[in-house]
Amino acid sequence: MANNLNALIGKIKNSAVARCRERIEFAADKARGVLNGKKPEDPTDSPPKKDPPGMTSCLKRQHGL
């Protein structure tokens, strides 16, 4: 049973890290565009939502992950 929990925690952690990396890459692309002289896009522009809120958002709210 402990093995299953460790695997589950690992999957959740990998999912959270992947989402963070996507957000960082999106922000970096946006910053590169501003530095290269492009006009900033609409401030409401954000990365597309892929999944409905799940376990990672729950953990983020509860534990600040």
N, C-alpha and C. Protein backbone atom coordinates (compact mmCIF):
# COMPACT_ATOMS: atom_id res chain seq x y z
N MET A 1 0.82 -1.19 0.00
CA MET A 1 0.00 0.00 0.00
C MET A 1 0.87 1.26 0.00
N ALA A 2 1.96 1.25 0.73
CA ALA A 2 2.84 2.41 0.77
C ALA A 2 3.44 2.67 -0.61
N ASN A 3 3.67 1.60 -1.35
CA ASN A 3 4.21 1.74 -2.69
C ASN A 3 3.23 2.48 -3.59
N ASN A 4 1.94 2.15 -3.47
CA ASN A 4 0.91 2.83 -4.26
C ASN A 4 0.83 4.31 -3.91
N LEU A 5 0.93 4.61 -2.63
CA LEU A 5 0.88 6.01 -2.20
C LEU A 5 2.07 6.79 -2.72
N ASN A 6 3.25 6.18 -2.68
CA ASN A 6 4.44 6.84 -3.20
C ASN A 6 4.32 7.09 -4.70
N ALA A 7 3.76 6.14 -5.42
CA ALA A 7 3.58 6.31 -6.86
C ALA A 7 2.57 7.43 -7.13
N LEU A 8 1.50 7.47 -6.36
CA LEU A 8 0.48 8.51 -6.53
C LEU A 8 1.05 9.89 -6.23
N ILE A 9 1.79 10.00 -5.16
CA ILE A 9 2.41 11.28 -4.80
C ILE A 9 3.39 11.71 -5.88
N GLY A 10 4.14 10.76 -6.43
CA GLY A 10 5.08 11.07 -7.50
C GLY A 10 4.37 11.60 -8.74
N LYS A 11 3.24 10.98 -9.10
CA LYS A 11 2.49 11.44 -10.27
C LYS A 11 1.94 12.85 -10.05
N ILE A 12 1.42 13.10 -8.87
CA ILE A 12 0.87 14.43 -8.56
C ILE A 12 1.98 15.47 -8.60
N LYS A 13 3.13 15.12 -8.04
CA LYS A 13 4.25 16.06 -8.02
C LYS A 13 4.73 16.35 -9.44
N ASN A 14 4.83 15.33 -10.27
CA ASN A 14 5.27 15.53 -11.66
C ASN A 14 4.28 16.39 -12.43
N SER A 15 3.02 16.19 -12.18
CA SER A 15 1.99 16.99 -12.85
C SER A 15 2.10 18.45 -12.43
N ALA A 16 2.29 18.70 -11.15
CA ALA A 16 2.41 20.08 -10.66
C ALA A 16 3.65 20.75 -11.22
N VAL A 17 4.75 20.04 -11.27
CA VAL A 17 6.00 20.60 -11.80
C VAL A 17 5.86 20.91 -13.29
N ALA A 18 5.19 20.02 -14.02
CA ALA A 18 4.99 20.25 -15.46
C ALA A 18 4.15 21.50 -15.70
N ARG A 19 3.11 21.69 -14.90
CA ARG A 19 2.29 22.90 -15.05
C ARG A 19 3.09 24.15 -14.74
N CYS A 20 3.90 24.09 -13.71
CA CYS A 20 4.73 25.25 -13.36
C CYS A 20 5.70 25.57 -14.49
N ARG A 21 6.29 24.55 -15.08
CA ARG A 21 7.21 24.78 -16.19
C ARG A 21 6.51 25.43 -17.38
N GLU A 22 5.28 24.98 -17.66
CA GLU A 22 4.51 25.59 -18.75
C GLU A 22 4.26 27.07 -18.47
N ARG A 23 3.91 27.39 -17.25
CA ARG A 23 3.65 28.79 -16.90
C ARG A 23 4.92 29.62 -17.01
N ILE A 24 6.04 29.07 -16.58
CA ILE A 24 7.32 29.78 -16.65
C ILE A 24 7.71 30.02 -18.10
N GLU A 25 7.53 29.01 -18.96
CA GLU A 25 7.85 29.17 -20.37
C GLU A 25 6.95 30.21 -21.02
N PHE A 26 5.67 30.22 -20.67
CA PHE A 26 4.74 31.20 -21.21
C PHE A 26 5.16 32.60 -20.82
N ALA A 27 5.52 32.78 -19.55
CA ALA A 27 5.94 34.10 -19.07
C ALA A 27 7.25 34.52 -19.73
N ALA A 28 8.16 33.58 -19.94
CA ALA A 28 9.43 33.89 -20.59
C ALA A 28 9.21 34.31 -22.04
N ASP A 29 8.32 33.62 -22.74
CA ASP A 29 8.02 34.00 -24.12
C ASP A 29 7.41 35.39 -24.19
N LYS A 30 6.54 35.68 -23.26
CA LYS A 30 5.91 36.99 -23.21
C LYS A 30 6.96 38.08 -22.94
N ALA A 31 7.89 37.81 -22.02
CA ALA A 31 8.94 38.77 -21.70
C ALA A 31 9.88 38.97 -22.89
N ARG A 32 10.20 37.88 -23.60
CA ARG A 32 11.05 38.01 -24.79
C ARG A 32 10.38 38.90 -25.84
N GLY A 33 9.08 38.73 -25.98
CA GLY A 33 8.35 39.56 -26.94
C GLY A 33 8.42 41.02 -26.58
N VAL A 34 8.29 41.34 -25.31
CA VAL A 34 8.36 42.73 -24.87
C VAL A 34 9.77 43.28 -25.07
N LEU A 35 10.77 42.49 -24.77
CA LEU A 35 12.15 42.95 -24.93
C LEU A 35 12.52 43.15 -26.40
N ASN A 36 11.91 42.38 -27.28
CA ASN A 36 12.22 42.49 -28.71
C ASN A 36 11.46 43.62 -29.38
N GLY A 37 10.68 44.37 -28.63
CA GLY A 37 10.00 45.53 -29.18
C GLY A 37 8.57 45.29 -29.60
N LYS A 38 8.07 44.11 -29.41
CA LYS A 38 6.67 43.86 -29.76
C LYS A 38 5.79 44.53 -28.72
N LYS A 39 4.62 44.93 -29.16
CA LYS A 39 3.68 45.53 -28.23
C LYS A 39 3.12 44.44 -27.31
N PRO A 40 2.95 44.77 -26.04
CA PRO A 40 2.36 43.76 -25.15
C PRO A 40 0.95 43.42 -25.61
N GLU A 41 0.62 42.15 -25.46
CA GLU A 41 -0.69 41.70 -25.87
C GLU A 41 -1.72 42.04 -24.80
N ASP A 42 -2.91 41.67 -25.06
CA ASP A 42 -4.02 41.91 -24.14
C ASP A 42 -3.66 41.37 -22.75
N PRO A 43 -3.81 42.19 -21.70
CA PRO A 43 -3.44 41.73 -20.36
C PRO A 43 -4.28 40.54 -19.87
N THR A 44 -5.41 40.33 -20.50
CA THR A 44 -6.21 39.18 -20.08
C THR A 44 -5.72 37.91 -20.75
N ASP A 45 -4.74 38.02 -21.64
CA ASP A 45 -4.20 36.85 -22.31
C ASP A 45 -3.48 35.97 -21.28
N SER A 46 -3.83 34.74 -21.25
CA SER A 46 -3.22 33.80 -20.32
C SER A 46 -3.10 32.45 -21.00
N PRO A 47 -2.30 31.55 -20.43
CA PRO A 47 -2.17 30.24 -21.04
C PRO A 47 -3.53 29.54 -21.07
N PRO A 48 -3.80 28.78 -22.11
CA PRO A 48 -5.09 28.12 -22.20
C PRO A 48 -5.29 27.12 -21.07
N LYS A 49 -6.50 27.07 -20.58
CA LYS A 49 -6.83 26.12 -19.52
C LYS A 49 -6.98 24.74 -20.16
N LYS A 50 -6.31 23.76 -19.58
CA LYS A 50 -6.35 22.42 -20.14
C LYS A 50 -7.30 21.52 -19.36
N ASP A 51 -7.13 21.50 -18.07
CA ASP A 51 -7.91 20.59 -17.24
C ASP A 51 -8.73 21.38 -16.25
N PRO A 52 -9.84 20.84 -15.84
CA PRO A 52 -10.57 21.49 -14.75
C PRO A 52 -9.74 21.37 -13.48
N PRO A 53 -10.00 22.23 -12.49
CA PRO A 53 -9.22 22.17 -11.27
C PRO A 53 -9.22 20.76 -10.68
N GLY A 54 -8.06 20.32 -10.29
CA GLY A 54 -7.93 18.96 -9.78
C GLY A 54 -7.13 18.93 -8.50
N MET A 55 -6.42 17.85 -8.33
CA MET A 55 -5.68 17.61 -7.10
C MET A 55 -4.57 18.64 -6.91
N THR A 56 -3.89 19.04 -8.01
CA THR A 56 -2.78 19.97 -7.84
C THR A 56 -3.26 21.34 -7.35
N SER A 57 -4.41 21.79 -7.87
CA SER A 57 -4.90 23.08 -7.39
C SER A 57 -5.35 22.99 -5.94
N CYS A 58 -5.87 21.84 -5.57
CA CYS A 58 -6.27 21.61 -4.18
C CYS A 58 -5.03 21.70 -3.28
N LEU A 59 -3.97 21.02 -3.66
CA LEU A 59 -2.73 21.04 -2.88
C LEU A 59 -2.15 22.45 -2.82
N LYS A 60 -2.24 23.16 -3.94
CA LYS A 60 -1.70 24.51 -3.99
C LYS A 60 -2.42 25.42 -3.00
N ARG A 61 -3.74 25.32 -2.96
CA ARG A 61 -4.51 26.15 -2.03
C ARG A 61 -4.23 25.76 -0.57
N GLN A 62 -4.15 24.48 -0.31
CA GLN A 62 -4.01 24.03 1.08
C GLN A 62 -2.59 24.18 1.60
N HIS A 63 -1.60 23.89 0.74
CA HIS A 63 -0.23 23.81 1.24
C HIS A 63 0.72 24.79 0.58
N GLY A 64 0.23 25.61 -0.32
CA GLY A 64 1.08 26.60 -0.97
C GLY A 64 2.10 26.00 -1.92
N LEU A 65 1.77 24.88 -2.55
CA LEU A 65 2.70 24.27 -3.50
C LEU A 65 2.71 25.00 -4.80
